[in-house]
Protein backbone atom coordinates (compact mmCIF):
# COMPACT_ATOMS: atom_id res chain seq x y z
CA MET A 1 -33.37 -44.85 6.38
CA ASN A 2 -33.11 -43.84 10.01
CA LYS A 3 -29.65 -43.33 9.34
CA LYS A 4 -29.72 -41.26 6.37
CA TRP A 5 -32.10 -39.03 8.63
CA ILE A 6 -29.71 -38.60 12.02
CA ALA A 7 -27.35 -37.93 9.02
CA TRP A 8 -29.07 -35.04 7.41
CA ILE A 9 -29.91 -33.64 10.94
CA CYS A 10 -26.55 -33.67 12.15
CA ALA A 11 -25.66 -31.45 8.94
CA GLY A 12 -28.48 -29.25 9.44
CA ILE A 13 -27.35 -28.73 12.74
CA LEU A 14 -24.24 -28.19 11.83
CA VAL A 15 -24.46 -25.51 9.18
CA LEU A 16 -27.09 -23.13 11.13
CA GLY A 17 -24.21 -23.53 14.22
CA LEU A 18 -22.04 -22.40 11.47
CA ALA A 19 -24.46 -19.79 10.25
CA GLY A 20 -25.17 -18.81 13.77
CA ARG A 21 -21.43 -18.36 14.17
CA ILE A 22 -20.75 -16.04 11.51
CA TRP A 23 -23.70 -13.72 12.43
CA TYR A 24 -22.45 -13.31 16.02
CA VAL A 25 -18.80 -12.56 15.09
CA ASN A 26 -20.36 -10.02 12.35
CA GLN A 27 -21.96 -8.54 14.98
CA ASN A 28 -20.14 -8.03 17.49
CA ALA A 29 -16.27 -7.84 16.02
CA ARG A 30 -14.42 -4.65 16.40
CA LEU A 31 -14.30 -2.51 13.41
CA PRO A 32 -11.05 -0.84 12.87
CA GLU A 33 -10.83 3.09 13.58
CA ILE A 34 -10.06 4.56 10.46
CA ASN A 35 -7.84 7.54 10.85
CA ARG A 36 -7.43 9.54 7.30
CA VAL A 37 -4.18 11.77 7.61
CA PRO A 38 -4.05 14.66 4.81
CA GLN A 39 -0.88 14.85 3.21
CA GLY A 40 2.38 17.12 5.05
CA GLU A 41 0.56 16.07 8.10
CA SER A 42 2.26 12.93 10.43
CA ALA A 43 0.49 9.68 11.35
CA VAL A 44 2.13 7.70 13.69
CA TRP A 45 2.48 4.08 13.66
CA SER A 46 5.10 0.85 15.27
CA GLY A 47 6.66 3.75 16.86
CA LEU A 48 7.62 5.35 14.02
CA LYS A 49 5.94 8.84 12.96
CA PHE A 50 5.94 8.92 8.95
CA GLN A 51 4.67 12.19 7.23
CA ILE A 52 4.62 12.62 2.94
CA THR A 53 6.84 15.56 2.54
CA HIS A 54 6.43 14.88 -1.59
CA ALA A 55 4.76 13.04 -4.17
CA GLU A 56 6.33 12.42 -8.21
CA LEU A 57 4.35 10.86 -10.76
CA TRP A 58 6.75 9.72 -13.26
CA ASP A 59 6.27 8.11 -17.16
CA TYR A 60 7.67 4.10 -16.32
CA GLU A 61 10.66 4.42 -18.62
CA GLU A 62 11.60 7.81 -17.73
CA PHE A 63 11.68 6.72 -14.03
CA TYR A 64 14.11 4.07 -14.47
CA LYS A 65 16.53 6.13 -16.14
CA ALA A 66 16.86 8.86 -14.56
CA TYR A 67 17.60 6.55 -11.16
CA ASP A 68 20.04 4.36 -13.53
CA ALA A 69 17.86 1.48 -12.06
CA GLU A 70 17.12 -0.50 -15.10
CA SER A 71 18.11 -3.42 -13.97
CA HIS A 72 14.82 -3.26 -11.37
CA MET A 73 12.75 -3.11 -14.49
CA PHE A 74 9.84 -5.00 -14.52
CA GLU A 75 10.92 -8.38 -16.84
CA GLY A 76 9.46 -8.72 -20.30
CA GLU A 77 8.50 -5.91 -22.76
CA LEU A 78 5.47 -3.52 -21.92
CA SER A 79 3.41 -4.19 -24.94
CA SER A 80 2.60 -1.33 -26.97
CA GLU A 81 -1.61 -1.34 -25.94
CA TRP A 82 -0.73 -0.59 -22.41
CA ASP A 83 1.49 1.90 -19.94
CA ALA A 84 2.60 2.42 -16.81
CA LYS A 85 3.82 4.95 -14.42
CA VAL A 86 6.02 5.00 -11.52
CA ILE A 87 4.67 7.31 -8.08
CA VAL A 88 7.16 8.04 -5.92
CA LEU A 89 6.60 9.45 -2.06
CA GLU A 90 9.05 11.22 -0.19
CA PHE A 91 8.81 10.19 3.73
CA ARG A 92 9.89 12.06 5.93
CA ILE A 93 10.47 9.47 9.31
CA ASP A 94 11.34 9.89 13.02
CA ARG A 95 11.64 7.50 15.30
CA ILE A 96 9.22 8.27 18.33
CA GLU A 97 9.82 5.77 20.62
CA GLU A 98 12.93 4.01 21.74
CA GLU A 99 11.90 0.47 21.10
CA ALA A 100 10.91 0.92 17.24
CA ASP A 101 14.49 -0.04 15.98
CA THR A 102 13.09 -1.89 12.89
CA LEU A 103 12.31 0.67 10.32
CA ASN A 104 9.09 -0.80 8.40
CA ILE A 105 8.73 1.06 5.14
CA VAL A 106 6.77 -1.92 3.11
CA ASN A 107 3.90 0.27 3.71
CA PRO A 108 0.44 -0.57 1.04
CA ILE A 109 -0.57 2.42 -1.48
CA VAL A 110 -4.02 2.08 -2.41
CA TYR A 111 -6.23 3.15 -5.32
CA VAL A 112 -9.46 1.68 -6.86
CA HIS A 113 -9.41 -1.57 -6.27
CA THR A 114 -5.69 -2.35 -6.00
CA ARG A 115 -3.04 -2.63 -3.77
CA ASN A 116 0.32 -2.04 -4.25
CA ASP A 117 3.48 -3.23 -2.02
CA THR A 118 6.76 -1.33 -1.77
CA ASP A 119 9.29 -3.13 -4.22
CA THR A 120 12.16 -2.99 -1.48
CA PHE A 121 15.24 -3.69 -3.83
CA LEU A 122 13.88 -0.86 -5.50
CA THR A 123 13.47 1.30 -2.55
CA ALA A 124 16.83 0.14 -1.77
CA ALA A 125 18.04 1.71 -5.20
CA ILE A 126 17.41 5.32 -5.35
CA ASN A 127 18.15 5.57 -1.39
CA PRO A 128 21.39 4.93 -0.88
CA ASN A 129 21.25 5.81 3.10
CA LEU A 130 19.25 2.42 2.94
CA GLN A 131 22.08 0.54 0.99
CA GLU A 132 24.68 2.22 3.04
CA GLY A 133 23.12 1.69 6.95
CA THR A 134 23.30 5.23 7.55
CA PHE A 135 19.82 5.86 7.16
CA ARG A 136 19.20 8.17 10.43
CA SER A 137 15.63 9.13 12.81
CA GLY A 138 14.65 12.82 10.81
CA GLU A 139 16.08 11.16 7.25
CA THR A 140 13.98 11.13 4.31
CA ILE A 141 13.37 8.02 2.42
CA ARG A 142 11.92 7.75 -1.45
CA ILE A 143 9.72 5.00 -2.15
CA PRO A 144 8.38 3.97 -5.51
CA TYR A 145 5.38 2.22 -6.30
CA THR A 146 4.92 1.17 -10.10
CA ILE A 147 0.70 1.68 -11.60
CA PHE A 148 0.17 -0.93 -14.24
CA GLU A 149 -2.31 0.04 -17.07
CA PHE A 150 -3.83 -3.25 -17.58
CA ASN A 151 -3.73 -3.21 -13.81
CA ILE A 152 -6.85 -0.95 -13.76
CA GLY A 153 -8.35 -0.52 -16.67
CA ARG A 154 -8.67 2.02 -19.15
CA GLN A 155 -11.19 4.45 -17.49
CA ASN A 156 -9.46 4.42 -14.43
CA TRP A 157 -5.77 4.80 -16.48
CA LYS A 158 -7.14 8.32 -17.68
CA LYS A 159 -7.43 9.46 -14.02
CA VAL A 160 -4.23 8.44 -13.82
CA GLU A 161 -3.00 10.39 -16.20
CA ASN A 162 -4.67 13.39 -15.50
CA MET A 163 -3.51 13.56 -11.54
CA THR A 164 -7.41 13.19 -10.66
CA MET A 165 -6.12 9.37 -9.48
CA GLN A 166 -7.29 9.26 -5.44
CA TYR A 167 -4.40 7.27 -3.83
CA THR A 168 -3.89 6.20 -0.17
CA VAL A 169 -0.83 4.63 1.77
CA ARG A 170 -2.11 2.14 4.35
CA LEU A 171 -0.24 2.26 7.68
CA GLY A 172 -0.97 -1.23 9.92
CA ASN A 173 -4.86 -2.55 9.80
CA TYR A 174 -5.85 -3.32 13.24
CA PRO A 175 -7.13 -1.47 15.63
CA VAL A 176 -6.35 1.76 13.98
CA ARG A 177 -5.59 1.97 10.36
CA ASN A 178 -3.89 4.97 9.23
CA GLU A 179 -4.74 6.14 5.79
CA MET A 180 -2.24 9.31 4.33
CA LEU A 181 -3.75 10.73 1.56
CA VAL A 182 -1.50 11.55 -1.24
CA THR A 183 -3.19 14.75 -3.24
CA ASP A 184 -0.33 17.35 -3.73
CA ILE A 185 1.24 15.15 -6.82
CA GLU A 186 4.21 16.75 -8.77
CA LYS A 187 4.06 15.25 -12.81
CA MET A 188 7.30 14.53 -13.84
């Protein structure tokens, strides 16, 4: 019986120690600084300056036809019950630090509770300067993000269709999180 009590006391001490550590970290951890950048203004991240110069919202099928990129479409048929759209953001990207020799365009777009990452193959397909390796500082890149209705539900989908959905593009998370707001979207 003594061994059971010792085991319970040790387990209790471990639980209290873990709870204390969690409390301590939550009280003392530094939260990231959030820098919200309106569309058209620039944000600096990883030695590059990003600026959203244009935004478009496309019907899914129309986008892939317009860019002759059907080989990159979602494999399988979209159910007739669900819809999809593609939001295309045009970024002007300038190198501001000599050490910034890597073009990092894997920046997620965030809306509702969903985060979509960049489809790098599709991005390369619609940006010949990336495929050919001729992209230079100061040029623009078009980055598409696919939005599926089944990921956000019908009520939020109405916001996408009515052009009232709020989108942000995140550049980094810590110690500074740049949130580029996408507010002026052209319907194609």
